[in-house]
């Protein structure tokens, strides 16, 4: 079962809370491990789609890095010179630094934060729809985060065609932007990204799978 489906059963309706507070609570209770396990197959599919095209010495950022598990996967690639992570949930960053003290993990609020230097790859799993305006963030990534010819690849489980995800925002009391696959694809194109691709992975009965989108600067 997807981790958000599991957690939504435990939430009690209340005033909407910050996603960063929710994920800090999950990290404190050890649920970040379940998130890693639940998202692993989708992330591997995403990385297999984009990493073969990365040149020697490429750099990467994982947006919404959680406990840093994707950063460590990307860092292990033989062509990777540096991979870092950024997250707004303090407890998640604390865990990432504890597991990987030599790694680069930044505690910062998004979408305001931008990296000091652009990178070749921006990866994000289950993050963008927590933003108030994810499409504007895509423009920022294209303009301020990516090197020329750099790639962004994102995975999201909360989208219009995945009906199993429709109640997450209300049950978890957290803002989540709902868009169709075509709207996400158009958002990538409107941001000025090229070679835009969208596909689903991990579909099964009652679950439409992770929506993967990728595009190049």
N, C-alpha and C. Protein backbone atom coordinates (compact mmCIF):
# COMPACT_ATOMS: atom_id res chain seq x y z
N UNK A 1 0.85 -1.20 0.00
CA UNK A 1 0.00 0.00 0.00
C UNK A 1 0.87 1.24 0.00
N UNK A 2 0.53 2.25 -0.77
CA UNK A 2 1.28 3.49 -0.80
C UNK A 2 1.28 4.13 0.58
N UNK A 3 2.43 4.74 0.97
CA UNK A 3 2.57 5.27 2.32
C UNK A 3 1.56 6.35 2.63
N UNK A 4 1.21 7.19 1.63
CA UNK A 4 0.23 8.25 1.90
C UNK A 4 -1.16 7.68 2.13
N UNK A 5 -1.49 6.60 1.43
CA UNK A 5 -2.77 5.94 1.67
C UNK A 5 -2.84 5.43 3.10
N UNK A 6 -1.72 4.83 3.56
CA UNK A 6 -1.69 4.30 4.91
C UNK A 6 -1.82 5.41 5.94
N UNK A 7 -1.05 6.52 5.74
CA UNK A 7 -1.07 7.58 6.73
C UNK A 7 -2.39 8.33 6.76
N UNK A 8 -3.07 8.40 5.62
CA UNK A 8 -4.32 9.16 5.57
C UNK A 8 -5.37 8.56 6.50
N UNK A 9 -5.28 7.27 6.77
CA UNK A 9 -6.24 6.63 7.65
C UNK A 9 -6.06 7.09 9.10
N UNK A 10 -4.86 7.59 9.41
CA UNK A 10 -4.56 7.94 10.79
C UNK A 10 -4.83 9.40 11.10
N UNK A 11 -5.12 10.19 10.07
CA UNK A 11 -5.29 11.63 10.26
C UNK A 11 -6.70 11.97 10.71
N UNK A 12 -6.80 12.97 11.57
CA UNK A 12 -8.08 13.48 12.02
C UNK A 12 -8.29 14.88 11.46
N UNK A 13 -9.44 15.17 10.85
CA UNK A 13 -9.65 16.49 10.26
C UNK A 13 -9.39 17.60 11.27
N UNK A 14 -8.68 18.62 10.83
CA UNK A 14 -8.35 19.78 11.65
C UNK A 14 -7.94 20.88 10.69
N UNK A 15 -7.56 22.05 11.22
CA UNK A 15 -7.12 23.11 10.35
C UNK A 15 -5.88 22.64 9.59
N UNK A 16 -5.77 23.11 8.34
CA UNK A 16 -4.71 22.64 7.46
C UNK A 16 -3.33 22.95 8.05
N UNK A 17 -2.44 21.97 7.99
CA UNK A 17 -1.11 22.13 8.56
C UNK A 17 -0.07 22.20 7.46
N UNK A 18 1.15 22.58 7.83
CA UNK A 18 2.23 22.65 6.87
C UNK A 18 2.72 21.24 6.55
N UNK A 19 3.04 21.01 5.29
CA UNK A 19 3.57 19.71 4.89
C UNK A 19 4.89 19.42 5.59
N UNK A 20 5.70 20.47 5.81
CA UNK A 20 6.99 20.26 6.48
C UNK A 20 6.80 19.75 7.90
N UNK A 21 5.75 20.23 8.59
CA UNK A 21 5.47 19.73 9.94
C UNK A 21 5.03 18.27 9.90
N UNK A 22 4.20 17.94 8.91
CA UNK A 22 3.74 16.56 8.77
C UNK A 22 4.93 15.62 8.57
N UNK A 23 5.85 15.99 7.67
CA UNK A 23 6.96 15.10 7.36
C UNK A 23 7.99 15.07 8.49
N UNK A 24 8.13 16.14 9.24
CA UNK A 24 8.99 16.08 10.42
C UNK A 24 8.43 15.09 11.43
N UNK A 25 7.11 15.08 11.60
CA UNK A 25 6.47 14.12 12.50
C UNK A 25 6.69 12.70 12.02
N UNK A 26 6.55 12.49 10.71
CA UNK A 26 6.76 11.15 10.16
C UNK A 26 8.19 10.68 10.37
N UNK A 27 9.15 11.59 10.17
CA UNK A 27 10.55 11.22 10.39
C UNK A 27 10.80 10.86 11.85
N UNK A 28 10.21 11.64 12.76
CA UNK A 28 10.40 11.40 14.19
C UNK A 28 9.84 10.05 14.62
N UNK A 29 8.79 9.59 13.94
CA UNK A 29 8.17 8.32 14.28
C UNK A 29 8.69 7.16 13.44
N UNK A 30 9.67 7.42 12.57
CA UNK A 30 10.26 6.35 11.77
C UNK A 30 9.54 6.03 10.49
N UNK A 31 8.54 6.82 10.13
CA UNK A 31 7.78 6.50 8.93
C UNK A 31 8.50 6.85 7.63
N UNK A 32 9.62 7.58 7.74
CA UNK A 32 10.42 7.85 6.56
C UNK A 32 10.96 6.56 5.94
N UNK A 33 11.16 5.55 6.77
CA UNK A 33 11.63 4.26 6.25
C UNK A 33 10.57 3.63 5.36
N UNK A 34 9.31 3.74 5.77
CA UNK A 34 8.22 3.22 4.95
C UNK A 34 8.07 4.00 3.66
N UNK A 35 8.32 5.32 3.71
CA UNK A 35 8.27 6.13 2.50
C UNK A 35 9.33 5.66 1.51
N UNK A 36 10.53 5.42 2.02
CA UNK A 36 11.62 4.93 1.15
C UNK A 36 11.24 3.59 0.52
N UNK A 37 10.74 2.69 1.31
CA UNK A 37 10.36 1.38 0.78
C UNK A 37 9.22 1.49 -0.22
N UNK A 38 8.21 2.32 0.09
CA UNK A 38 7.06 2.44 -0.78
C UNK A 38 7.36 3.12 -2.10
N UNK A 39 8.35 4.00 -2.13
CA UNK A 39 8.65 4.77 -3.33
C UNK A 39 9.84 4.24 -4.11
N UNK A 40 10.50 3.23 -3.57
CA UNK A 40 11.76 2.77 -4.16
C UNK A 40 11.63 2.34 -5.61
N UNK A 41 10.61 1.53 -5.92
CA UNK A 41 10.47 1.04 -7.29
C UNK A 41 10.24 2.18 -8.28
N UNK A 42 9.41 3.14 -7.90
CA UNK A 42 9.16 4.28 -8.79
C UNK A 42 10.42 5.10 -9.00
N UNK A 43 11.16 5.34 -7.93
CA UNK A 43 12.39 6.12 -8.05
C UNK A 43 13.41 5.41 -8.92
N UNK A 44 13.52 4.10 -8.78
CA UNK A 44 14.46 3.37 -9.62
C UNK A 44 14.08 3.50 -11.08
N UNK A 45 12.79 3.45 -11.38
CA UNK A 45 12.33 3.64 -12.76
C UNK A 45 12.70 5.03 -13.26
N UNK A 46 12.52 6.04 -12.42
CA UNK A 46 12.86 7.41 -12.79
C UNK A 46 14.35 7.55 -13.07
N UNK A 47 15.17 7.01 -12.19
CA UNK A 47 16.61 7.13 -12.36
C UNK A 47 17.10 6.35 -13.58
N UNK A 48 16.49 5.20 -13.82
CA UNK A 48 16.87 4.42 -15.00
C UNK A 48 16.52 5.14 -16.29
N UNK A 49 15.53 6.04 -16.22
CA UNK A 49 15.12 6.79 -17.40
C UNK A 49 16.07 7.95 -17.70
N UNK A 50 16.74 8.47 -16.67
CA UNK A 50 17.52 9.70 -16.87
C UNK A 50 19.02 9.53 -16.66
N UNK A 51 19.45 8.64 -15.77
CA UNK A 51 20.88 8.54 -15.46
C UNK A 51 21.75 8.06 -16.62
N UNK A 52 21.27 7.17 -17.48
CA UNK A 52 22.13 6.74 -18.59
C UNK A 52 22.60 7.89 -19.49
N UNK A 53 21.87 8.99 -19.50
CA UNK A 53 22.26 10.13 -20.33
C UNK A 53 23.16 11.13 -19.63
N UNK A 54 23.49 10.87 -18.36
CA UNK A 54 24.32 11.80 -17.61
C UNK A 54 25.80 11.59 -17.91
N UNK A 55 26.49 12.67 -18.22
CA UNK A 55 27.91 12.60 -18.53
C UNK A 55 28.75 12.45 -17.27
N UNK A 56 30.00 12.07 -17.46
CA UNK A 56 30.93 11.95 -16.34
C UNK A 56 31.07 13.29 -15.64
N UNK A 57 31.01 13.27 -14.31
CA UNK A 57 31.14 14.49 -13.53
C UNK A 57 29.85 15.25 -13.34
N UNK A 58 28.69 14.60 -13.57
CA UNK A 58 27.42 15.32 -13.43
C UNK A 58 27.12 15.63 -11.96
N UNK A 59 26.31 16.67 -11.76
CA UNK A 59 25.87 17.09 -10.43
C UNK A 59 24.35 17.00 -10.36
N UNK A 60 23.83 16.81 -9.15
CA UNK A 60 22.39 16.59 -8.99
C UNK A 60 21.89 17.13 -7.67
N UNK A 61 20.61 17.48 -7.64
CA UNK A 61 19.91 17.86 -6.41
C UNK A 61 18.61 17.07 -6.33
N UNK A 62 18.34 16.51 -5.15
CA UNK A 62 17.05 15.87 -4.88
C UNK A 62 16.20 16.85 -4.08
N UNK A 63 15.07 17.26 -4.65
CA UNK A 63 14.19 18.26 -4.02
C UNK A 63 13.15 17.53 -3.18
N UNK A 64 13.07 17.90 -1.89
CA UNK A 64 12.24 17.15 -0.97
C UNK A 64 12.92 15.83 -0.64
N UNK A 65 14.18 15.91 -0.23
CA UNK A 65 15.05 14.72 -0.15
C UNK A 65 14.73 13.81 1.02
N UNK A 66 13.93 14.27 1.99
CA UNK A 66 13.63 13.41 3.13
C UNK A 66 14.89 13.00 3.87
N UNK A 67 15.04 11.71 4.14
CA UNK A 67 16.21 11.23 4.89
C UNK A 67 17.43 11.02 4.00
N UNK A 68 17.35 11.43 2.75
CA UNK A 68 18.52 11.43 1.87
C UNK A 68 18.76 10.17 1.09
N UNK A 69 17.82 9.24 1.09
CA UNK A 69 18.08 7.94 0.46
C UNK A 69 18.29 8.06 -1.05
N UNK A 70 17.57 8.96 -1.71
CA UNK A 70 17.76 9.12 -3.16
C UNK A 70 19.09 9.81 -3.45
N UNK A 71 19.47 10.78 -2.62
CA UNK A 71 20.77 11.42 -2.78
C UNK A 71 21.88 10.38 -2.76
N UNK A 72 21.78 9.44 -1.84
CA UNK A 72 22.82 8.42 -1.72
C UNK A 72 22.81 7.47 -2.92
N UNK A 73 21.63 7.19 -3.46
CA UNK A 73 21.56 6.36 -4.67
C UNK A 73 22.23 7.06 -5.85
N UNK A 74 21.92 8.33 -6.04
CA UNK A 74 22.51 9.07 -7.15
C UNK A 74 24.01 9.22 -6.96
N UNK A 75 24.44 9.48 -5.73
CA UNK A 75 25.87 9.64 -5.45
C UNK A 75 26.66 8.39 -5.81
N UNK A 76 26.02 7.23 -5.72
CA UNK A 76 26.70 5.97 -5.99
C UNK A 76 26.93 5.73 -7.49
N UNK A 77 26.30 6.54 -8.35
CA UNK A 77 26.49 6.37 -9.78
C UNK A 77 27.93 6.74 -10.15
N UNK A 78 28.59 5.93 -10.96
CA UNK A 78 30.01 6.20 -11.25
C UNK A 78 30.29 7.53 -11.94
N UNK A 79 29.30 8.10 -12.63
CA UNK A 79 29.52 9.38 -13.31
C UNK A 79 29.18 10.59 -12.45
N UNK A 80 28.70 10.35 -11.23
CA UNK A 80 28.25 11.47 -10.38
C UNK A 80 29.42 12.10 -9.64
N UNK A 81 29.56 13.42 -9.81
CA UNK A 81 30.59 14.16 -9.07
C UNK A 81 30.06 14.64 -7.73
N UNK A 82 28.78 15.02 -7.70
CA UNK A 82 28.19 15.51 -6.45
C UNK A 82 26.68 15.44 -6.53
N UNK A 83 26.06 14.92 -5.48
CA UNK A 83 24.60 14.92 -5.34
C UNK A 83 24.26 15.48 -3.98
N UNK A 84 23.28 16.34 -3.93
CA UNK A 84 22.88 16.96 -2.67
C UNK A 84 21.37 16.91 -2.53
N UNK A 85 20.89 17.24 -1.34
CA UNK A 85 19.45 17.22 -1.09
C UNK A 85 19.00 18.47 -0.36
N UNK A 86 17.75 18.84 -0.57
CA UNK A 86 17.15 19.96 0.14
C UNK A 86 15.76 19.57 0.60
N UNK A 87 15.39 19.97 1.81
CA UNK A 87 14.09 19.63 2.37
C UNK A 87 13.73 20.67 3.42
N UNK A 88 12.44 20.93 3.58
CA UNK A 88 11.98 21.88 4.58
C UNK A 88 11.64 21.26 5.92
N UNK A 89 11.69 19.94 6.02
CA UNK A 89 11.36 19.24 7.26
C UNK A 89 12.64 19.00 8.06
N UNK A 90 12.76 19.69 9.20
CA UNK A 90 13.98 19.64 9.97
C UNK A 90 14.39 18.26 10.42
N UNK A 91 13.44 17.45 10.86
CA UNK A 91 13.77 16.12 11.35
C UNK A 91 14.26 15.23 10.23
N UNK A 92 13.73 15.42 9.03
CA UNK A 92 14.22 14.64 7.88
C UNK A 92 15.68 14.98 7.60
N UNK A 93 16.02 16.26 7.58
CA UNK A 93 17.41 16.66 7.33
C UNK A 93 18.33 16.15 8.42
N UNK A 94 17.88 16.19 9.67
CA UNK A 94 18.68 15.64 10.77
C UNK A 94 18.99 14.17 10.53
N UNK A 95 18.00 13.42 10.07
CA UNK A 95 18.21 12.00 9.80
C UNK A 95 19.19 11.81 8.65
N UNK A 96 19.03 12.61 7.59
CA UNK A 96 19.92 12.49 6.44
C UNK A 96 21.37 12.73 6.86
N UNK A 97 21.60 13.77 7.67
CA UNK A 97 22.96 14.09 8.10
C UNK A 97 23.51 13.04 9.05
N UNK A 98 22.65 12.44 9.86
CA UNK A 98 23.10 11.40 10.78
C UNK A 98 23.55 10.15 10.03
N UNK A 99 22.79 9.78 9.00
CA UNK A 99 23.12 8.60 8.21
C UNK A 99 24.33 8.85 7.32
N UNK A 100 24.43 10.08 6.80
CA UNK A 100 25.45 10.41 5.80
C UNK A 100 26.13 11.72 6.18
N UNK A 101 27.00 11.70 7.22
CA UNK A 101 27.57 12.94 7.72
C UNK A 101 28.44 13.68 6.70
N UNK A 102 28.96 12.97 5.71
CA UNK A 102 29.79 13.61 4.70
C UNK A 102 28.96 14.16 3.54
N UNK A 103 27.66 13.88 3.53
CA UNK A 103 26.80 14.32 2.45
C UNK A 103 26.40 15.78 2.58
N UNK A 104 25.75 16.29 1.54
CA UNK A 104 25.31 17.68 1.50
C UNK A 104 23.79 17.75 1.56
N UNK A 105 23.27 18.17 2.70
CA UNK A 105 21.83 18.24 2.92
C UNK A 105 21.47 19.61 3.49
N UNK A 106 20.57 20.31 2.81
CA UNK A 106 20.21 21.68 3.18
C UNK A 106 18.79 21.73 3.72
N UNK A 107 18.64 22.35 4.88
CA UNK A 107 17.31 22.63 5.43
C UNK A 107 16.88 23.99 4.92
N UNK A 108 15.84 24.03 4.10
CA UNK A 108 15.40 25.29 3.50
C UNK A 108 13.96 25.14 3.04
N UNK A 109 13.27 26.27 3.02
CA UNK A 109 11.89 26.28 2.56
C UNK A 109 11.82 26.52 1.06
N UNK A 110 10.99 25.74 0.43
CA UNK A 110 10.77 25.86 -1.01
C UNK A 110 9.36 26.39 -1.24
N UNK A 111 9.18 27.19 -2.30
CA UNK A 111 10.06 27.36 -3.46
C UNK A 111 11.05 28.51 -3.35
N UNK A 112 11.20 29.17 -2.20
CA UNK A 112 12.04 30.37 -2.12
C UNK A 112 13.52 30.06 -2.34
N UNK A 113 13.98 28.93 -1.82
CA UNK A 113 15.41 28.60 -1.89
C UNK A 113 15.83 28.23 -3.31
N UNK A 114 17.03 28.64 -3.69
CA UNK A 114 17.63 28.20 -4.95
C UNK A 114 19.08 27.81 -4.68
N UNK A 115 19.63 26.89 -5.45
CA UNK A 115 21.02 26.46 -5.23
C UNK A 115 22.01 27.55 -5.62
N UNK A 116 23.21 27.49 -5.01
CA UNK A 116 24.26 28.45 -5.34
C UNK A 116 24.75 28.27 -6.77
N UNK A 117 24.76 27.03 -7.23
CA UNK A 117 25.21 26.72 -8.58
C UNK A 117 24.19 25.82 -9.26
N UNK A 118 23.95 26.01 -10.57
CA UNK A 118 23.05 25.10 -11.28
C UNK A 118 23.64 23.71 -11.40
N UNK A 119 22.77 22.73 -11.62
CA UNK A 119 23.18 21.33 -11.68
C UNK A 119 22.72 20.69 -12.98
N UNK A 120 23.19 19.48 -13.20
CA UNK A 120 22.83 18.74 -14.41
C UNK A 120 21.51 17.99 -14.27
N UNK A 121 21.14 17.67 -13.03
CA UNK A 121 19.94 16.87 -12.80
C UNK A 121 19.21 17.34 -11.56
N UNK A 122 17.93 17.59 -11.70
CA UNK A 122 17.05 17.85 -10.56
C UNK A 122 16.05 16.70 -10.48
N UNK A 123 16.04 16.03 -9.34
CA UNK A 123 15.13 14.90 -9.11
C UNK A 123 14.18 15.27 -7.99
N UNK A 124 12.94 14.79 -8.07
CA UNK A 124 12.00 14.99 -6.97
C UNK A 124 10.95 13.90 -7.00
N UNK A 125 10.72 13.29 -5.84
CA UNK A 125 9.69 12.27 -5.70
C UNK A 125 8.69 12.69 -4.64
N UNK A 126 7.42 12.82 -5.03
CA UNK A 126 6.35 13.14 -4.10
C UNK A 126 6.59 14.46 -3.35
N UNK A 127 6.85 15.51 -4.12
CA UNK A 127 7.04 16.82 -3.49
C UNK A 127 6.23 17.93 -4.14
N UNK A 128 6.27 18.05 -5.46
CA UNK A 128 5.83 19.28 -6.11
C UNK A 128 4.39 19.65 -5.81
N UNK A 129 3.51 18.68 -5.63
CA UNK A 129 2.10 19.05 -5.45
C UNK A 129 1.81 19.63 -4.07
N UNK A 130 2.78 19.63 -3.17
CA UNK A 130 2.60 20.31 -1.88
C UNK A 130 2.77 21.82 -2.00
N UNK A 131 3.34 22.29 -3.11
CA UNK A 131 3.52 23.72 -3.33
C UNK A 131 2.20 24.36 -3.74
N UNK A 132 2.03 25.63 -3.41
CA UNK A 132 0.83 26.36 -3.82
C UNK A 132 0.76 26.52 -5.33
N UNK A 133 1.91 26.71 -5.97
CA UNK A 133 1.96 26.92 -7.42
C UNK A 133 3.11 26.12 -8.00
N UNK A 134 2.94 24.81 -8.14
CA UNK A 134 4.05 23.98 -8.63
C UNK A 134 4.50 24.33 -10.04
N UNK A 135 3.59 24.84 -10.88
CA UNK A 135 3.98 25.17 -12.25
C UNK A 135 4.97 26.33 -12.28
N UNK A 136 4.80 27.31 -11.40
CA UNK A 136 5.77 28.40 -11.31
C UNK A 136 7.12 27.90 -10.83
N UNK A 137 7.09 26.93 -9.92
CA UNK A 137 8.34 26.35 -9.44
C UNK A 137 9.10 25.67 -10.58
N UNK A 138 8.38 25.02 -11.49
CA UNK A 138 9.04 24.41 -12.64
C UNK A 138 9.80 25.44 -13.46
N UNK A 139 9.23 26.63 -13.60
CA UNK A 139 9.92 27.70 -14.33
C UNK A 139 11.18 28.11 -13.60
N UNK A 140 11.10 28.19 -12.27
CA UNK A 140 12.28 28.54 -11.48
C UNK A 140 13.36 27.49 -11.63
N UNK A 141 12.97 26.22 -11.59
CA UNK A 141 13.95 25.15 -11.76
C UNK A 141 14.63 25.27 -13.11
N UNK A 142 13.82 25.47 -14.14
CA UNK A 142 14.39 25.59 -15.49
C UNK A 142 15.36 26.77 -15.58
N UNK A 143 15.00 27.90 -14.99
CA UNK A 143 15.79 29.11 -15.14
C UNK A 143 16.96 29.22 -14.17
N UNK A 144 16.77 28.69 -12.94
CA UNK A 144 17.74 28.96 -11.87
C UNK A 144 18.45 27.73 -11.32
N UNK A 145 17.93 26.55 -11.59
CA UNK A 145 18.50 25.35 -10.99
C UNK A 145 19.32 24.53 -11.99
N UNK A 146 18.92 24.55 -13.24
CA UNK A 146 19.50 23.63 -14.23
C UNK A 146 20.57 24.28 -15.09
N UNK A 147 21.63 23.53 -15.35
CA UNK A 147 22.59 23.91 -16.37
C UNK A 147 21.95 23.75 -17.75
N UNK A 148 22.56 24.35 -18.74
CA UNK A 148 22.09 24.14 -20.11
C UNK A 148 22.15 22.65 -20.43
N UNK A 149 21.08 22.13 -21.01
CA UNK A 149 20.93 20.71 -21.35
C UNK A 149 20.68 19.83 -20.12
N UNK A 150 20.52 20.46 -18.94
CA UNK A 150 20.22 19.68 -17.75
C UNK A 150 18.80 19.13 -17.77
N UNK A 151 18.56 18.13 -16.92
CA UNK A 151 17.27 17.43 -16.88
C UNK A 151 16.60 17.58 -15.52
N UNK A 152 15.27 17.63 -15.54
CA UNK A 152 14.47 17.48 -14.33
C UNK A 152 13.60 16.26 -14.51
N UNK A 153 13.51 15.44 -13.45
CA UNK A 153 12.60 14.29 -13.45
C UNK A 153 11.87 14.28 -12.12
N UNK A 154 10.54 14.19 -12.18
CA UNK A 154 9.74 14.17 -10.96
C UNK A 154 8.79 12.98 -10.98
N UNK A 155 8.43 12.53 -9.79
CA UNK A 155 7.42 11.49 -9.64
C UNK A 155 6.35 11.97 -8.68
N UNK A 156 5.09 11.79 -9.04
CA UNK A 156 3.99 12.19 -8.17
C UNK A 156 2.91 11.10 -8.18
N UNK A 157 2.35 10.86 -7.01
CA UNK A 157 1.26 9.88 -6.87
C UNK A 157 -0.10 10.54 -6.76
N UNK A 158 -0.11 11.83 -6.46
CA UNK A 158 -1.37 12.57 -6.27
C UNK A 158 -1.66 13.37 -7.54
N UNK A 159 -2.53 12.82 -8.39
CA UNK A 159 -2.91 13.50 -9.63
C UNK A 159 -4.31 13.05 -10.00
N UNK A 160 -4.94 13.78 -10.90
CA UNK A 160 -6.37 13.61 -11.14
C UNK A 160 -6.75 12.21 -11.58
N UNK A 161 -5.92 11.59 -12.41
CA UNK A 161 -6.27 10.27 -12.93
C UNK A 161 -6.09 9.16 -11.90
N UNK A 162 -5.41 9.45 -10.80
CA UNK A 162 -5.22 8.45 -9.74
C UNK A 162 -6.26 8.68 -8.64
N UNK A 163 -7.44 8.12 -8.82
CA UNK A 163 -8.56 8.40 -7.92
C UNK A 163 -8.28 7.98 -6.48
N UNK A 164 -7.41 7.01 -6.29
CA UNK A 164 -7.09 6.56 -4.93
C UNK A 164 -6.41 7.65 -4.11
N UNK A 165 -5.89 8.68 -4.78
CA UNK A 165 -5.18 9.74 -4.07
C UNK A 165 -6.04 10.97 -3.79
N UNK A 166 -7.29 10.96 -4.24
CA UNK A 166 -8.09 12.19 -4.21
C UNK A 166 -8.40 12.69 -2.81
N UNK A 167 -8.44 11.83 -1.81
CA UNK A 167 -8.81 12.28 -0.47
C UNK A 167 -7.61 12.61 0.41
N UNK A 168 -6.41 12.53 -0.13
CA UNK A 168 -5.22 12.73 0.71
C UNK A 168 -5.17 14.11 1.34
N UNK A 169 -5.48 15.15 0.56
CA UNK A 169 -5.38 16.51 1.08
C UNK A 169 -6.30 16.71 2.28
N UNK A 170 -7.54 16.25 2.18
CA UNK A 170 -8.48 16.44 3.28
C UNK A 170 -8.16 15.52 4.47
N UNK A 171 -7.77 14.29 4.19
CA UNK A 171 -7.54 13.36 5.30
C UNK A 171 -6.24 13.64 6.05
N UNK A 172 -5.25 14.21 5.34
CA UNK A 172 -4.00 14.58 5.99
C UNK A 172 -3.97 16.05 6.40
N UNK A 173 -4.99 16.81 6.00
CA UNK A 173 -5.10 18.22 6.37
C UNK A 173 -3.91 19.05 5.89
N UNK A 174 -3.47 18.74 4.67
CA UNK A 174 -2.32 19.42 4.07
C UNK A 174 -2.69 19.84 2.66
N UNK A 175 -2.26 21.04 2.26
CA UNK A 175 -2.51 21.49 0.89
C UNK A 175 -1.85 20.56 -0.11
N UNK A 176 -2.59 20.17 -1.15
CA UNK A 176 -2.04 19.41 -2.26
C UNK A 176 -2.69 19.91 -3.55
N UNK A 177 -1.87 20.30 -4.51
CA UNK A 177 -2.37 20.76 -5.80
C UNK A 177 -2.77 19.56 -6.64
N UNK A 178 -3.96 19.60 -7.20
CA UNK A 178 -4.46 18.49 -8.04
C UNK A 178 -4.46 18.91 -9.51
N UNK A 179 -3.72 18.16 -10.33
CA UNK A 179 -3.67 18.43 -11.77
C UNK A 179 -3.79 17.12 -12.54
N UNK A 180 -4.24 17.24 -13.78
CA UNK A 180 -4.29 16.07 -14.67
C UNK A 180 -2.90 15.82 -15.25
N UNK A 181 -2.75 14.66 -15.85
CA UNK A 181 -1.48 14.34 -16.51
C UNK A 181 -1.18 15.37 -17.59
N UNK A 182 -2.18 15.71 -18.37
CA UNK A 182 -1.96 16.67 -19.44
C UNK A 182 -1.59 18.05 -18.90
N UNK A 183 -2.19 18.45 -17.78
CA UNK A 183 -1.85 19.73 -17.18
C UNK A 183 -0.40 19.74 -16.70
N UNK A 184 0.05 18.64 -16.13
CA UNK A 184 1.45 18.55 -15.72
C UNK A 184 2.37 18.62 -16.94
N UNK A 185 2.01 17.90 -17.99
CA UNK A 185 2.82 17.93 -19.21
C UNK A 185 2.88 19.35 -19.78
N UNK A 186 1.74 20.02 -19.82
CA UNK A 186 1.71 21.39 -20.31
C UNK A 186 2.52 22.32 -19.40
N UNK A 187 2.51 22.06 -18.10
CA UNK A 187 3.31 22.86 -17.18
C UNK A 187 4.79 22.75 -17.46
N UNK A 188 5.25 21.55 -17.77
CA UNK A 188 6.65 21.36 -18.15
C UNK A 188 6.97 22.14 -19.42
N UNK A 189 6.08 22.06 -20.39
CA UNK A 189 6.31 22.76 -21.65
C UNK A 189 6.27 24.27 -21.46
N UNK A 190 5.32 24.76 -20.66
CA UNK A 190 5.20 26.19 -20.42
C UNK A 190 6.42 26.74 -19.67
N UNK A 191 7.08 25.89 -18.90
CA UNK A 191 8.28 26.30 -18.17
C UNK A 191 9.47 26.45 -19.11
N UNK A 192 9.32 26.04 -20.37
CA UNK A 192 10.41 26.15 -21.32
C UNK A 192 11.26 24.90 -21.44
N UNK A 193 10.77 23.80 -20.87
CA UNK A 193 11.49 22.54 -20.97
C UNK A 193 11.18 21.85 -22.29
N UNK A 194 12.13 21.12 -22.82
CA UNK A 194 11.95 20.39 -24.07
C UNK A 194 12.10 18.90 -23.83
N UNK A 195 11.84 18.14 -24.86
CA UNK A 195 11.88 16.67 -24.77
C UNK A 195 11.05 16.17 -23.60
N UNK A 196 9.89 16.78 -23.39
CA UNK A 196 9.04 16.45 -22.25
C UNK A 196 8.41 15.07 -22.46
N UNK A 197 8.50 14.24 -21.44
CA UNK A 197 7.88 12.92 -21.45
C UNK A 197 7.05 12.75 -20.19
N UNK A 198 5.96 12.02 -20.30
CA UNK A 198 5.12 11.68 -19.15
C UNK A 198 4.69 10.24 -19.28
N UNK A 199 4.85 9.46 -18.20
CA UNK A 199 4.41 8.07 -18.22
C UNK A 199 4.10 7.63 -16.79
N UNK A 200 3.36 6.56 -16.67
CA UNK A 200 2.98 6.02 -15.36
C UNK A 200 3.71 4.70 -15.13
N UNK A 201 4.03 4.45 -13.87
CA UNK A 201 4.73 3.22 -13.51
C UNK A 201 4.14 2.66 -12.22
N UNK A 202 4.08 1.35 -12.14
CA UNK A 202 3.58 0.70 -10.93
C UNK A 202 2.08 0.59 -10.84
N UNK A 203 1.39 0.64 -12.00
CA UNK A 203 -0.07 0.54 -11.97
C UNK A 203 -0.50 -0.84 -11.46
N UNK A 204 -1.60 -0.86 -10.72
CA UNK A 204 -2.23 -2.10 -10.30
C UNK A 204 -3.69 -1.81 -10.02
N UNK A 205 -4.45 -2.81 -9.69
CA UNK A 205 -5.89 -2.66 -9.50
C UNK A 205 -6.19 -1.58 -8.47
N UNK A 206 -6.91 -0.54 -8.89
CA UNK A 206 -7.29 0.54 -7.99
C UNK A 206 -6.21 1.58 -7.76
N UNK A 207 -5.09 1.44 -8.43
CA UNK A 207 -3.96 2.35 -8.25
C UNK A 207 -3.37 2.66 -9.62
N UNK A 208 -3.36 3.94 -10.00
CA UNK A 208 -2.93 4.33 -11.35
C UNK A 208 -1.42 4.49 -11.48
N UNK A 209 -0.70 4.25 -10.40
CA UNK A 209 0.75 4.29 -10.46
C UNK A 209 1.32 5.67 -10.24
N UNK A 210 2.64 5.72 -10.17
CA UNK A 210 3.35 6.99 -10.06
C UNK A 210 3.40 7.65 -11.44
N UNK A 211 3.06 8.93 -11.48
CA UNK A 211 3.19 9.70 -12.70
C UNK A 211 4.62 10.26 -12.75
N UNK A 212 5.34 9.90 -13.78
CA UNK A 212 6.72 10.37 -13.96
C UNK A 212 6.73 11.39 -15.10
N UNK A 213 7.35 12.54 -14.84
CA UNK A 213 7.52 13.56 -15.87
C UNK A 213 8.99 13.96 -15.91
N UNK A 214 9.48 14.16 -17.14
CA UNK A 214 10.87 14.57 -17.29
C UNK A 214 10.98 15.53 -18.46
N UNK A 215 11.94 16.42 -18.36
CA UNK A 215 12.17 17.40 -19.42
C UNK A 215 13.57 17.95 -19.34
N UNK A 216 14.04 18.52 -20.43
CA UNK A 216 15.40 19.01 -20.53
C UNK A 216 15.41 20.52 -20.78
N UNK A 217 16.38 21.21 -20.19
CA UNK A 217 16.55 22.64 -20.42
C UNK A 217 17.12 22.89 -21.81
